[in-house]
Structures are given as structure tokens and as C-alpha cells.
Amino acid sequence: MKLILRKTVETLGGQGDIIDVKPGYARNYLIPQGLAYKASDANLKSLEDERERAEEKAKHDYLEARRRAAQIEGTSLAFHVRAGEDGKLFGSVTNVDIADQLNQGELDFEVDRRVVILEEPLKLLGTFNVPVRLHSQVEVEVTVLVERGVEE
């Protein structure tokens, strides 16, 4: 019996794959569990339409990420913080701080803190290149300058 998988089934295939299984397995397990549906002509057509829409959306998302990356590229951020004599910060500069400062700029979109990739918060004075991943295939670096703030 030919079926189209709704979800990935480890032993059979991935979502959207067309598989051929025994009728009992299809009727008693795959279809009642919502893991697959019959591969009729109408279902095959709708699957093809879904794939086309998904490809179009993926292409649009990629182009939008490239446009946003062009706006961020070459951006330099400065943070004035309190630090000890040895250059260690009394606090830290986190991905939230970097995203907030990017959002205060002239961007026409909101930068989410989760796209700013920091292994751990910045805890030393200096200049750092911080990657911002806007899409799985689009990543841009932002220069972050952490300097000693004016002491009161």
C-alpha cells in the first residue's frame, strides 16, 4: 500500500516521503497514529503544492536574511563598563546587551537575542568579533568594543 508520511518515522523515511508498506501495517498503525495518509492522486498533488510553497518560503527567508545581513555588516558597537585594574569587568556584556544596542540603531527589523552567538558573556576589556546568525546559511560579524567607562 502506498502512503505519504506526515512525520518522520525512523525505520521508514522522512516527512513527505512516499513509502510502500503492507496494508495491515498501514491500516492498523501508521494511519490511525496520524503518521501517514494514503497516496491518492489528490494527496500527491497537495504534497507537491506544499513542497513548492516550502521551497518558495525558504528562498524568501534566505533573501530576507541576506538583506538584513547587509544592514548589520560592518557595524561596530561600543560598551562602556566598569572594570577592575586587571581588565576584568564587574559585570559582563551578554547577547541580550548586544541585541539591544543593535535594535537602537537604524535597522528596519528587530534583532532577537538568540541570533547573537556568544559562547559565554564577554568579561574582559577589548575588541571582539561576535557572529550574528540570521539564517542557517547567513552569518555576519559585529565588532564589539568593550572599554572602561568613566569612573565617578
Protein backbone atom coordinates (compact mmCIF):
# COMPACT_ATOMS: atom_id res chain seq x y z
CA MET A 1 0.00 0.00 0.00
CA LYS A 2 1.41 3.40 -0.96
CA LEU A 3 1.41 6.08 1.76
CA ILE A 4 2.76 9.58 2.29
CA LEU A 5 4.48 10.14 5.63
CA ARG A 6 3.17 13.06 7.71
CA LYS A 7 6.00 12.75 10.21
CA THR A 8 9.44 11.21 10.10
CA VAL A 9 9.36 7.52 11.04
CA GLU A 10 12.85 6.25 11.79
CA THR A 11 12.53 2.91 10.04
CA LEU A 12 10.57 4.18 7.02
CA GLY A 13 11.63 7.67 5.99
CA GLY A 14 11.21 11.40 6.44
CA GLN A 15 8.21 13.69 6.35
CA GLY A 16 6.70 13.88 2.86
CA ASP A 17 8.33 10.66 1.64
CA ILE A 18 6.21 8.24 -0.38
CA ILE A 19 6.57 4.74 1.01
CA ASP A 20 5.20 1.28 0.20
CA VAL A 21 4.15 -0.84 3.21
CA LYS A 22 1.95 -3.83 3.88
CA PRO A 23 -1.76 -2.94 4.09
CA GLY A 24 -2.16 -4.22 7.66
CA TYR A 25 0.71 -2.05 8.94
CA ALA A 26 -0.81 0.96 7.21
CA ARG A 27 -4.41 0.38 8.42
CA ASN A 28 -3.57 -0.70 11.96
CA TYR A 29 -0.66 1.57 12.87
CA LEU A 30 0.51 4.30 10.50
CA ILE A 31 -2.84 5.84 9.53
CA PRO A 32 -4.54 5.66 13.00
CA GLN A 33 -1.44 7.15 14.68
CA GLY A 34 -1.51 10.07 12.22
CA LEU A 35 1.93 9.19 10.88
CA ALA A 36 0.83 8.73 7.27
CA TYR A 37 -2.05 9.08 4.83
CA LYS A 38 -2.97 7.35 1.57
CA ALA A 39 -1.04 8.33 -1.53
CA SER A 40 -4.02 9.14 -3.76
CA ASP A 41 -3.69 11.42 -6.78
CA ALA A 42 -5.24 14.36 -4.88
CA ASN A 43 -2.92 13.83 -1.89
CA LEU A 44 0.12 13.58 -4.17
CA LYS A 45 -0.90 16.86 -5.84
CA SER A 46 -1.33 18.61 -2.48
CA LEU A 47 2.05 17.24 -1.35
CA GLU A 48 3.68 18.69 -4.46
CA ASP A 49 1.97 22.05 -3.83
CA GLU A 50 3.20 22.02 -0.22
CA ARG A 51 6.75 21.33 -1.35
CA GLU A 52 6.63 24.20 -3.85
CA ARG A 53 5.34 26.58 -1.16
CA ALA A 54 8.02 25.41 1.27
CA GLU A 55 10.76 25.95 -1.34
CA GLU A 56 9.42 29.42 -2.14
CA LYS A 57 9.29 30.31 1.56
CA ALA A 58 12.83 29.03 2.12
CA LYS A 59 14.08 31.13 -0.80
CA HIS A 60 12.26 34.21 0.52
CA ASP A 61 13.64 33.67 4.06
CA TYR A 62 17.18 33.36 2.69
CA LEU A 63 16.91 36.55 0.61
CA GLU A 64 15.42 38.44 3.57
CA ALA A 65 18.28 37.26 5.80
CA ARG A 66 20.82 38.45 3.19
CA ARG A 67 19.12 41.88 3.08
CA ARG A 68 19.24 42.12 6.87
CA ALA A 69 22.88 40.99 6.94
CA ALA A 70 23.78 43.81 4.56
CA GLN A 71 22.34 46.30 7.08
CA ILE A 72 24.26 44.83 10.02
CA GLU A 73 27.55 44.18 8.19
CA GLY A 74 30.38 46.43 9.32
CA THR A 75 28.51 47.53 12.45
CA SER A 76 30.67 48.40 15.42
CA LEU A 77 29.24 48.59 18.95
CA ALA A 78 30.88 50.18 21.98
CA PHE A 79 30.12 49.31 25.58
CA HIS A 80 31.45 51.50 28.42
CA VAL A 81 31.56 49.38 31.56
CA ARG A 82 33.16 49.33 34.99
CA ALA A 83 36.23 47.14 35.19
CA GLY A 84 38.96 46.31 37.66
CA GLU A 85 42.65 47.14 37.27
CA ASP A 86 43.34 43.78 35.62
CA GLY A 87 40.76 44.43 32.86
CA LYS A 88 38.08 42.12 34.20
CA LEU A 89 34.57 43.52 34.10
CA PHE A 90 32.49 43.88 37.25
CA GLY A 91 29.58 42.59 35.17
CA SER A 92 29.52 41.21 31.67
CA VAL A 93 28.33 42.03 28.17
CA THR A 94 25.78 39.44 27.04
CA ASN A 95 23.98 38.60 23.81
CA VAL A 96 20.96 40.50 25.19
CA ASP A 97 23.06 43.66 25.57
CA ILE A 98 24.40 43.33 22.03
CA ALA A 99 20.92 42.72 20.56
CA ASP A 100 19.50 45.70 22.49
CA GLN A 101 22.21 48.02 21.19
CA LEU A 102 21.74 46.75 17.62
CA ASN A 103 18.00 47.43 17.94
CA GLN A 104 18.65 51.03 19.00
CA GLY A 105 20.35 51.64 15.64
CA GLU A 106 18.83 52.40 12.25
CA LEU A 107 17.69 48.86 11.43
CA ASP A 108 14.25 48.26 9.93
CA PHE A 109 13.88 44.96 11.80
CA GLU A 110 14.25 43.65 15.34
CA VAL A 111 17.34 41.60 16.22
CA ASP A 112 16.46 38.72 18.53
CA ARG A 113 18.92 37.86 21.31
CA ARG A 114 19.03 34.23 20.17
CA VAL A 115 20.65 35.12 16.83
CA VAL A 116 23.63 36.75 18.59
CA ILE A 117 26.03 33.84 19.05
CA LEU A 118 28.16 34.09 22.18
CA GLU A 119 29.77 31.01 23.73
CA GLU A 120 29.83 32.89 27.03
CA PRO A 121 29.34 36.53 28.06
CA LEU A 122 32.22 38.95 27.46
CA LYS A 123 34.00 39.55 30.77
CA LEU A 124 37.19 41.32 29.68
CA LEU A 125 38.05 44.68 28.16
CA GLY A 126 38.93 44.54 24.46
CA THR A 127 37.62 44.18 20.94
CA PHE A 128 35.63 41.10 19.97
CA ASN A 129 34.08 39.85 16.73
CA VAL A 130 30.65 38.47 17.57
CA PRO A 131 28.75 36.41 14.96
CA VAL A 132 25.07 37.13 14.30
CA ARG A 133 23.31 34.20 12.60
CA LEU A 134 20.26 35.50 10.75
CA HIS A 135 19.63 32.27 8.81
CA SER A 136 21.20 28.83 8.74
CA GLN A 137 23.25 29.97 5.71
CA VAL A 138 23.67 33.68 6.55
CA GLU A 139 26.02 34.82 9.29
CA VAL A 140 27.58 38.26 9.75
CA GLU A 141 30.09 39.53 12.31
CA VAL A 142 29.64 42.58 14.51
CA THR A 143 32.64 44.26 16.14
CA VAL A 144 32.08 44.77 19.87
CA LEU A 145 34.41 47.16 21.71
CA VAL A 146 34.32 46.80 25.49
CA GLU A 147 36.07 49.76 27.14
CA ARG A 148 36.47 51.08 30.63
CA GLY A 149 33.68 53.51 31.50
CA VAL A 150 34.19 56.90 33.10
CA GLU A 151 34.59 56.44 36.86
CA GLU A 152 32.58 58.76 39.08
